[in-house]
Amino acid sequence: DYETLSLLLIKYPLQVCAQPIAIEVTTISGTPCVTRTPWFDRDNPSGLGDYETLSLLLIKYPLQVCAQPIAIEVTTISGTPALPPGNNFQVYGHNHCLYDPLQGFECVNGACQDYRVRFTCPLSFCNMTCVTRWFDSDNPNTNGGDSELLTVLLSVYPGYICPNPLGIEAQTISGQPAYQTGNIFQVYNPTSGFSCVNANQGRVRCVNYKVRFTCPEDWCSSECMCDNLKTYFI
């Protein structure tokens, strides 16, 4: 089923704008094909501005935000839509006035208001229940940091991780969420995995981390996964 903008502009001239700021998809019966995340407000405008970027939100709210959103919505914390002009939006789509779901949102200057964001994700993301066990293949005392990269984990634990995870969560081995440690992460995404480099931490070192992945449900439901109890449903 192809409902591409270029074809819709031809078939429905003057009924569709050439540069939409959002999209909504349903089945012909009206069932939504996408889902929205909760509102997120990880920063405030003190300092250099208000940064609600996707990369940072994925770290602070693992498994609550999809890695490739299809839309973003931004309002002040009181609910007023964030519309240029008035603030200098660094990342808010083309010409600083449209949504950029793959990067998130930034308002850069000391006069910014406090913003919150939410994303539109494929419906399959919010139906995810397939989560792997925890993996800890490295420690910060070797190789200059702690690397839990997907390519390495797939090699060390063949069959225990799907090759195309939808989400990743990292914690210290004691169970503290990674974002609370103060470490700077070189890599933290489901496509590549996780990496903390000691040289990037200043006077401290990386903590020892463990990771787990969210996988497509059909991977968790496969016969080998169920028989070996390598994953579980949440």
C-alpha atoms as a PDB file:
ATOM      1  CA  ASP A   1       0.000   0.000   0.000  1.00  0.00           C
ATOM      2  CA  TYR A   2       1.714   3.186  -1.195  1.00  0.00           C
ATOM      3  CA  GLU A   3       0.385   6.455   0.180  1.00  0.00           C
ATOM      4  CA  THR A   4       3.429   8.566  -0.687  1.00  0.00           C
ATOM      5  CA  LEU A   5       3.311  12.358  -0.555  1.00  0.00           C
ATOM      6  CA  SER A   6       4.427  12.769  -4.168  1.00  0.00           C
ATOM      7  CA  LEU A   7       1.549  10.636  -5.457  1.00  0.00           C
ATOM      8  CA  LEU A   8      -0.995  12.203  -3.117  1.00  0.00           C
ATOM      9  CA  LEU A   9      -0.019  15.690  -4.311  1.00  0.00           C
ATOM     10  CA  ILE A  10      -0.803  14.594  -7.865  1.00  0.00           C
ATOM     11  CA  LYS A  11      -4.092  12.882  -7.074  1.00  0.00           C
ATOM     12  CA  TYR A  12      -5.343  15.465  -4.567  1.00  0.00           C
ATOM     13  CA  PRO A  13      -4.001  18.846  -5.730  1.00  0.00           C
ATOM     14  CA  LEU A  14      -4.704  21.727  -3.360  1.00  0.00           C
ATOM     15  CA  GLN A  15      -5.802  19.276  -0.652  1.00  0.00           C
ATOM     16  CA  VAL A  16      -2.319  18.406   0.653  1.00  0.00           C
ATOM     17  CA  CYS A  17       0.459  20.841   1.531  1.00  0.00           C
ATOM     18  CA  ALA A  18       3.861  20.271  -0.049  1.00  0.00           C
ATOM     19  CA  GLN A  19       5.727  20.378   3.268  1.00  0.00           C
ATOM     20  CA  PRO A  20       3.598  18.682   5.951  1.00  0.00           C
ATOM     21  CA  ILE A  21       4.686  18.933   9.584  1.00  0.00           C
ATOM     22  CA  ALA A  22       3.083  15.665  10.701  1.00  0.00           C
ATOM     23  CA  ILE A  23       1.370  12.542   9.416  1.00  0.00           C
ATOM     24  CA  GLU A  24      -1.368  10.314  10.814  1.00  0.00           C
ATOM     25  CA  VAL A  25      -1.999   6.819   9.487  1.00  0.00           C
ATOM     26  CA  THR A  26      -4.894   4.455  10.147  1.00  0.00           C
ATOM     27  CA  THR A  27      -6.338   1.391   8.512  1.00  0.00           C
ATOM     28  CA  ILE A  28      -9.430   2.049   6.389  1.00  0.00           C
ATOM     29  CA  SER A  29     -11.505   0.947   9.379  1.00  0.00           C
ATOM     30  CA  GLY A  30      -9.921   3.684  11.483  1.00  0.00           C
ATOM     31  CA  THR A  31      -7.429   1.659  13.538  1.00  0.00           C
ATOM     32  CA  PRO A  32      -4.289   3.747  14.236  1.00  0.00           C
ATOM     33  CA  CYS A  33      -1.060   2.481  12.678  1.00  0.00           C
ATOM     34  CA  VAL A  34       1.142   4.595  14.922  1.00  0.00           C
ATOM     35  CA  THR A  35       1.321   5.435  18.604  1.00  0.00           C
ATOM     36  CA  ARG A  36       2.547   8.387  20.660  1.00  0.00           C
ATOM     37  CA  THR A  37       5.024   8.264  23.514  1.00  0.00           C
ATOM     38  CA  PRO A  38       4.499   9.998  26.850  1.00  0.00           C
ATOM     39  CA  TRP A  39       5.674  13.596  27.189  1.00  0.00           C
ATOM     40  CA  PHE A  40       9.357  13.963  28.097  1.00  0.00           C
ATOM     41  CA  ASP A  41      11.021  16.928  29.822  1.00  0.00           C
ATOM     42  CA  ARG A  42      14.619  16.054  30.639  1.00  0.00           C
ATOM     43  CA  ASP A  43      16.061  19.573  30.575  1.00  0.00           C
ATOM     44  CA  ASN A  44      15.207  23.145  31.503  1.00  0.00           C
ATOM     45  CA  PRO A  45      16.254  26.470  29.977  1.00  0.00           C
ATOM     46  CA  SER A  46      18.846  27.305  32.608  1.00  0.00           C
ATOM     47  CA  GLY A  47      22.333  27.631  31.187  1.00  0.00           C
ATOM     48  CA  LEU A  48      22.614  27.437  27.403  1.00  0.00           C
ATOM     49  CA  GLY A  49      19.029  26.496  26.617  1.00  0.00           C
ATOM     50  CA  ASP A  50      16.559  23.614  26.648  1.00  0.00           C
ATOM     51  CA  TYR A  51      17.845  20.400  25.060  1.00  0.00           C
ATOM     52  CA  GLU A  52      15.319  17.651  24.363  1.00  0.00           C
ATOM     53  CA  THR A  53      17.390  15.773  21.800  1.00  0.00           C
ATOM     54  CA  LEU A  54      16.511  12.225  20.809  1.00  0.00           C
ATOM     55  CA  SER A  55      19.965  10.830  21.601  1.00  0.00           C
ATOM     56  CA  LEU A  56      19.768  12.059  25.210  1.00  0.00           C
ATOM     57  CA  LEU A  57      16.148  10.982  25.647  1.00  0.00           C
ATOM     58  CA  LEU A  58      17.013   7.470  24.474  1.00  0.00           C
ATOM     59  CA  ILE A  59      19.576   7.291  27.280  1.00  0.00           C
ATOM     60  CA  LYS A  60      17.360   8.668  30.038  1.00  0.00           C
ATOM     61  CA  TYR A  61      14.186   6.860  28.978  1.00  0.00           C
ATOM     62  CA  PRO A  62      15.340   3.543  27.516  1.00  0.00           C
ATOM     63  CA  LEU A  63      12.617   1.448  25.891  1.00  0.00           C
ATOM     64  CA  GLN A  64      10.160   4.369  26.140  1.00  0.00           C
ATOM     65  CA  VAL A  65      11.239   6.107  22.924  1.00  0.00           C
ATOM     66  CA  CYS A  66      11.714   4.463  19.552  1.00  0.00           C
ATOM     67  CA  ALA A  67      15.077   4.959  17.875  1.00  0.00           C
ATOM     68  CA  GLN A  68      13.513   6.182  14.622  1.00  0.00           C
ATOM     69  CA  PRO A  69      10.411   8.272  15.379  1.00  0.00           C
ATOM     70  CA  ILE A  70       8.241   9.376  12.497  1.00  0.00           C
ATOM     71  CA  ALA A  71       7.033  12.628  14.085  1.00  0.00           C
ATOM     72  CA  ILE A  72       7.690  14.927  17.040  1.00  0.00           C
ATOM     73  CA  GLU A  73       5.457  17.320  18.970  1.00  0.00           C
ATOM     74  CA  VAL A  74       6.802  20.108  21.188  1.00  0.00           C
ATOM     75  CA  THR A  75       4.992  22.311  23.686  1.00  0.00           C
ATOM     76  CA  THR A  76       5.912  24.351  26.723  1.00  0.00           C
ATOM     77  CA  ILE A  77       5.353  22.503  29.989  1.00  0.00           C
ATOM     78  CA  SER A  78       2.099  24.458  30.333  1.00  0.00           C
ATOM     79  CA  GLY A  79       0.899  23.052  27.004  1.00  0.00           C
ATOM     80  CA  THR A  80       1.465  25.956  24.608  1.00  0.00           C
ATOM     81  CA  PRO A  81       2.646  24.674  21.204  1.00  0.00           C
ATOM     82  CA  ALA A  82       6.248  25.573  20.431  1.00  0.00           C
ATOM     83  CA  LEU A  83       6.162  27.672  17.315  1.00  0.00           C
ATOM     84  CA  PRO A  84       8.911  29.809  15.843  1.00  0.00           C
ATOM     85  CA  PRO A  85       9.478  32.754  15.882  1.00  0.00           C
ATOM     86  CA  GLY A  86      10.226  34.019  19.366  1.00  0.00           C
ATOM     87  CA  ASN A  87      12.903  31.497  20.255  1.00  0.00           C
ATOM     88  CA  ASN A  88      15.923  30.366  18.275  1.00  0.00           C
ATOM     89  CA  PHE A  89      15.173  26.690  17.679  1.00  0.00           C
ATOM     90  CA  GLN A  90      18.394  24.924  16.818  1.00  0.00           C
ATOM     91  CA  VAL A  91      16.911  21.541  15.954  1.00  0.00           C
ATOM     92  CA  TYR A  92      13.289  21.678  14.943  1.00  0.00           C
ATOM     93  CA  GLY A  93      13.363  20.616  11.324  1.00  0.00           C
ATOM     94  CA  HIS A  94      14.006  22.479   8.121  1.00  0.00           C
ATOM     95  CA  ASN A  95      14.238  26.274   8.359  1.00  0.00           C
ATOM     96  CA  HIS A  96      13.955  26.001  12.168  1.00  0.00           C
ATOM     97  CA  CYS A  97      10.176  25.727  12.007  1.00  0.00           C
ATOM     98  CA  LEU A  98       9.293  22.104  11.229  1.00  0.00           C
ATOM     99  CA  TYR A  99       9.561  18.956  13.312  1.00  0.00           C
ATOM    100  CA  ASP A 100      12.744  16.866  13.185  1.00  0.00           C
ATOM    101  CA  PRO A 101      11.856  13.573  14.880  1.00  0.00           C
ATOM    102  CA  LEU A 102      15.221  11.924  14.225  1.00  0.00           C
ATOM    103  CA  GLN A 103      17.146  14.631  16.112  1.00  0.00           C
ATOM    104  CA  GLY A 104      14.696  15.961  18.643  1.00  0.00           C
ATOM    105  CA  PHE A 105      14.459  19.541  19.856  1.00  0.00           C
ATOM    106  CA  GLU A 106      16.793  22.265  21.046  1.00  0.00           C
ATOM    107  CA  CYS A 107      16.133  25.849  22.017  1.00  0.00           C
ATOM    108  CA  VAL A 108      19.466  27.628  22.277  1.00  0.00           C
ATOM    109  CA  ASN A 109      19.739  30.785  24.387  1.00  0.00           C
ATOM    110  CA  GLY A 110      19.181  31.847  27.959  1.00  0.00           C
ATOM    111  CA  ALA A 111      15.667  33.188  27.275  1.00  0.00           C
ATOM    112  CA  CYS A 112      14.137  29.879  26.172  1.00  0.00           C
ATOM    113  CA  GLN A 113      11.023  28.582  27.843  1.00  0.00           C
ATOM    114  CA  ASP A 114      10.856  25.111  29.376  1.00  0.00           C
ATOM    115  CA  TYR A 115       9.725  22.625  26.742  1.00  0.00           C
ATOM    116  CA  ARG A 116       8.496  19.055  26.637  1.00  0.00           C
ATOM    117  CA  VAL A 117       8.412  16.691  23.679  1.00  0.00           C
ATOM    118  CA  ARG A 118       6.663  13.544  22.602  1.00  0.00           C
ATOM    119  CA  PHE A 119       7.226  11.347  19.584  1.00  0.00           C
ATOM    120  CA  THR A 120       5.090   9.366  17.199  1.00  0.00           C
ATOM    121  CA  CYS A 121       6.414   5.838  16.747  1.00  0.00           C
ATOM    122  CA  PRO A 122       5.314   2.852  14.682  1.00  0.00           C
ATOM    123  CA  LEU A 123       2.589   0.903  16.437  1.00  0.00           C
ATOM    124  CA  SER A 124       4.891  -2.110  16.630  1.00  0.00           C
ATOM    125  CA  PHE A 125       7.175  -0.190  19.018  1.00  0.00           C
ATOM    126  CA  CYS A 126       4.536   0.224  21.720  1.00  0.00           C
ATOM    127  CA  ASN A 127       3.486  -3.396  21.332  1.00  0.00           C
ATOM    128  CA  MET A 128       6.975  -4.575  22.207  1.00  0.00           C
ATOM    129  CA  THR A 129       7.168  -7.178  24.971  1.00  0.00           C
ATOM    130  CA  CYS A 130      10.203  -9.181  23.858  1.00  0.00           C
ATOM    131  CA  VAL A 131      13.226  -8.318  25.996  1.00  0.00           C
ATOM    132  CA  THR A 132      16.490 -10.244  26.216  1.00  0.00           C
ATOM    133  CA  ARG A 133      18.342 -11.205  29.375  1.00  0.00           C
ATOM    134  CA  TRP A 134      21.086  -8.890  30.640  1.00  0.00           C
ATOM    135  CA  PHE A 135      24.560  -9.145  29.081  1.00  0.00           C
ATOM    136  CA  ASP A 136      27.897  -8.104  30.606  1.00  0.00           C
ATOM    137  CA  SER A 137      30.756  -9.092  28.308  1.00  0.00           C
ATOM    138  CA  ASP A 138      33.298  -6.429  29.285  1.00  0.00           C
ATOM    139  CA  ASN A 139      34.476  -4.322  32.212  1.00  0.00           C
ATOM    140  CA  PRO A 140      36.129  -0.885  32.488  1.00  0.00           C
ATOM    141  CA  ASN A 141      39.464  -2.348  33.572  1.00  0.00           C
ATOM    142  CA  THR A 142      40.134  -3.807  30.121  1.00  0.00           C
ATOM    143  CA  ASN A 143      40.459  -2.165  26.718  1.00  0.00           C
ATOM    144  CA  GLY A 144      40.181   1.347  28.136  1.00  0.00           C
ATOM    145  CA  GLY A 145      36.506   1.208  29.048  1.00  0.00           C
ATOM    146  CA  ASP A 146      33.350  -0.878  29.000  1.00  0.00           C
ATOM    147  CA  SER A 147      32.066  -1.874  25.566  1.00  0.00           C
ATOM    148  CA  GLU A 148      28.894  -3.892  25.132  1.00  0.00           C
ATOM    149  CA  LEU A 149      28.700  -3.590  21.353  1.00  0.00           C
ATOM    150  CA  LEU A 150      26.017  -5.464  19.469  1.00  0.00           C
ATOM    151  CA  THR A 151      28.413  -7.047  16.964  1.00  0.00           C
ATOM    152  CA  VAL A 152      30.512  -8.484  19.789  1.00  0.00           C
ATOM    153  CA  LEU A 153      27.523  -9.659  21.812  1.00  0.00           C
ATOM    154  CA  LEU A 154      26.031 -11.389  18.765  1.00  0.00           C
ATOM    155  CA  SER A 155      29.315 -13.282  18.414  1.00  0.00           C
ATOM    156  CA  VAL A 156      29.698 -14.132  22.111  1.00  0.00           C
ATOM    157  CA  TYR A 157      26.034 -15.036  22.627  1.00  0.00           C
ATOM    158  CA  PRO A 158      24.850 -16.449  19.281  1.00  0.00           C
ATOM    159  CA  GLY A 159      21.098 -16.922  19.193  1.00  0.00           C
ATOM    160  CA  TYR A 160      20.476 -14.977  22.378  1.00  0.00           C
ATOM    161  CA  ILE A 161      20.055 -11.541  20.754  1.00  0.00           C
ATOM    162  CA  CYS A 162      18.127 -10.563  17.647  1.00  0.00           C
ATOM    163  CA  PRO A 163      20.285  -9.060  14.876  1.00  0.00           C
ATOM    164  CA  ASN A 164      18.042  -5.994  14.595  1.00  0.00           C
ATOM    165  CA  PRO A 165      17.058  -4.807  18.106  1.00  0.00           C
ATOM    166  CA  LEU A 166      14.392  -2.144  18.478  1.00  0.00           C
ATOM    167  CA  GLY A 167      15.621  -0.803  21.815  1.00  0.00           C
ATOM    168  CA  ILE A 168      18.477  -0.991  24.331  1.00  0.00           C
ATOM    169  CA  GLU A 169      18.738  -0.423  28.075  1.00  0.00           C
ATOM    170  CA  ALA A 170      21.984  -0.061  30.033  1.00  0.00           C
ATOM    171  CA  GLN A 171      22.492  -0.280  33.797  1.00  0.00           C
ATOM    172  CA  THR A 172      25.412  -0.693  36.131  1.00  0.00           C
ATOM    173  CA  ILE A 173      25.837  -4.283  37.287  1.00  0.00           C
ATOM    174  CA  SER A 174      24.261  -3.188  40.586  1.00  0.00           C
ATOM    175  CA  GLY A 175      21.133  -2.022  38.749  1.00  0.00           C
ATOM    176  CA  GLN A 176      21.567   1.761  38.583  1.00  0.00           C
ATOM    177  CA  PRO A 177      20.283   3.309  35.314  1.00  0.00           C
ATOM    178  CA  ALA A 178      23.175   4.360  33.105  1.00  0.00           C
ATOM    179  CA  TYR A 179      22.106   7.995  32.800  1.00  0.00           C
ATOM    180  CA  GLN A 180      22.350   8.439  36.593  1.00  0.00           C
ATOM    181  CA  THR A 181      26.066   7.590  36.766  1.00  0.00           C
ATOM    182  CA  GLY A 182      27.383  10.804  35.222  1.00  0.00           C
ATOM    183  CA  ASN A 183      29.489   8.879  32.710  1.00  0.00           C
ATOM    184  CA  ILE A 184      29.711  10.127  29.127  1.00  0.00           C
ATOM    185  CA  PHE A 185      28.750   7.450  26.616  1.00  0.00           C
ATOM    186  CA  GLN A 186      30.431   7.112  23.260  1.00  0.00           C
ATOM    187  CA  VAL A 187      27.748   4.748  21.941  1.00  0.00           C
ATOM    188  CA  TYR A 188      24.255   4.080  23.270  1.00  0.00           C
ATOM    189  CA  ASN A 189      21.739   2.919  20.676  1.00  0.00           C
ATOM    190  CA  PRO A 190      20.080  -0.366  19.667  1.00  0.00           C
ATOM    191  CA  THR A 191      21.832  -0.499  16.305  1.00  0.00           C
ATOM    192  CA  SER A 192      25.401  -0.405  17.675  1.00  0.00           C
ATOM    193  CA  GLY A 193      25.038  -1.244  21.363  1.00  0.00           C
ATOM    194  CA  PHE A 194      26.798   0.518  24.231  1.00  0.00           C
ATOM    195  CA  SER A 195      30.285   1.891  24.868  1.00  0.00           C
ATOM    196  CA  CYS A 196      31.838   3.948  27.668  1.00  0.00           C
ATOM    197  CA  VAL A 197      35.461   5.077  27.185  1.00  0.00           C
ATOM    198  CA  ASN A 198      37.573   5.844  30.266  1.00  0.00           C
ATOM    199  CA  ALA A 199      39.508   8.592  28.475  1.00  0.00           C
ATOM    200  CA  ASN A 200      36.285  10.584  28.015  1.00  0.00           C
ATOM    201  CA  GLN A 201      35.398  10.648  31.729  1.00  0.00           C
ATOM    202  CA  GLY A 202      37.888  13.179  33.063  1.00  0.00           C
ATOM    203  CA  ARG A 203      39.040  12.234  36.565  1.00  0.00           C
ATOM    204  CA  VAL A 204      36.710   9.266  36.943  1.00  0.00           C
ATOM    205  CA  ARG A 205      36.393   5.968  35.132  1.00  0.00           C
ATOM    206  CA  CYS A 206      33.546   4.169  33.483  1.00  0.00           C
ATOM    207  CA  VAL A 207      31.348   2.042  35.711  1.00  0.00           C
ATOM    208  CA  ASN A 208      30.841  -1.623  34.863  1.00  0.00           C
ATOM    209  CA  TYR A 209      27.665  -1.876  32.787  1.00  0.00           C
ATOM    210  CA  LYS A 210      25.237  -4.509  31.594  1.00  0.00           C
ATOM    211  CA  VAL A 211      22.811  -4.182  28.698  1.00  0.00           C
ATOM    212  CA  ARG A 212      19.657  -5.789  27.416  1.00  0.00           C
ATOM    213  CA  PHE A 213      17.790  -5.380  24.150  1.00  0.00           C
ATOM    214  CA  THR A 214      14.197  -5.205  23.006  1.00  0.00           C
ATOM    215  CA  CYS A 215      13.557  -7.384  19.961  1.00  0.00           C
ATOM    216  CA  PRO A 216      10.665  -7.877  17.532  1.00  0.00           C
ATOM    217  CA  GLU A 217       7.952 -10.088  18.983  1.00  0.00           C
ATOM    218  CA  ASP A 218       8.181 -12.611  16.166  1.00  0.00           C
ATOM    219  CA  TRP A 219      11.838 -13.214  17.093  1.00  0.00           C
ATOM    220  CA  CYS A 220      10.909 -13.894  20.724  1.00  0.00           C
ATOM    221  CA  SER A 221       8.093 -16.189  19.627  1.00  0.00           C
ATOM    222  CA  SER A 222      10.310 -18.360  17.467  1.00  0.00           C
ATOM    223  CA  GLU A 223      10.548 -22.000  18.529  1.00  0.00           C
ATOM    224  CA  CYS A 224      14.199 -21.901  19.596  1.00  0.00           C
ATOM    225  CA  MET A 225      13.660 -18.835  21.763  1.00  0.00           C
ATOM    226  CA  CYS A 226      10.711 -20.368  23.608  1.00  0.00           C
ATOM    227  CA  ASP A 227      12.355 -23.762  24.052  1.00  0.00           C
ATOM    228  CA  ASN A 228      15.602 -22.380  25.440  1.00  0.00           C
ATOM    229  CA  LEU A 229      14.019 -19.574  27.496  1.00  0.00           C
ATOM    230  CA  LYS A 230      16.679 -17.196  26.253  1.00  0.00           C
ATOM    231  CA  THR A 231      14.282 -14.276  26.330  1.00  0.00           C
ATOM    232  CA  TYR A 232      11.135 -13.385  28.163  1.00  0.00           C
ATOM    233  CA  PHE A 233       8.006 -11.333  27.626  1.00  0.00           C
ATOM    234  CA  ILE A 234       7.308  -8.334  29.824  1.00  0.00           C
END
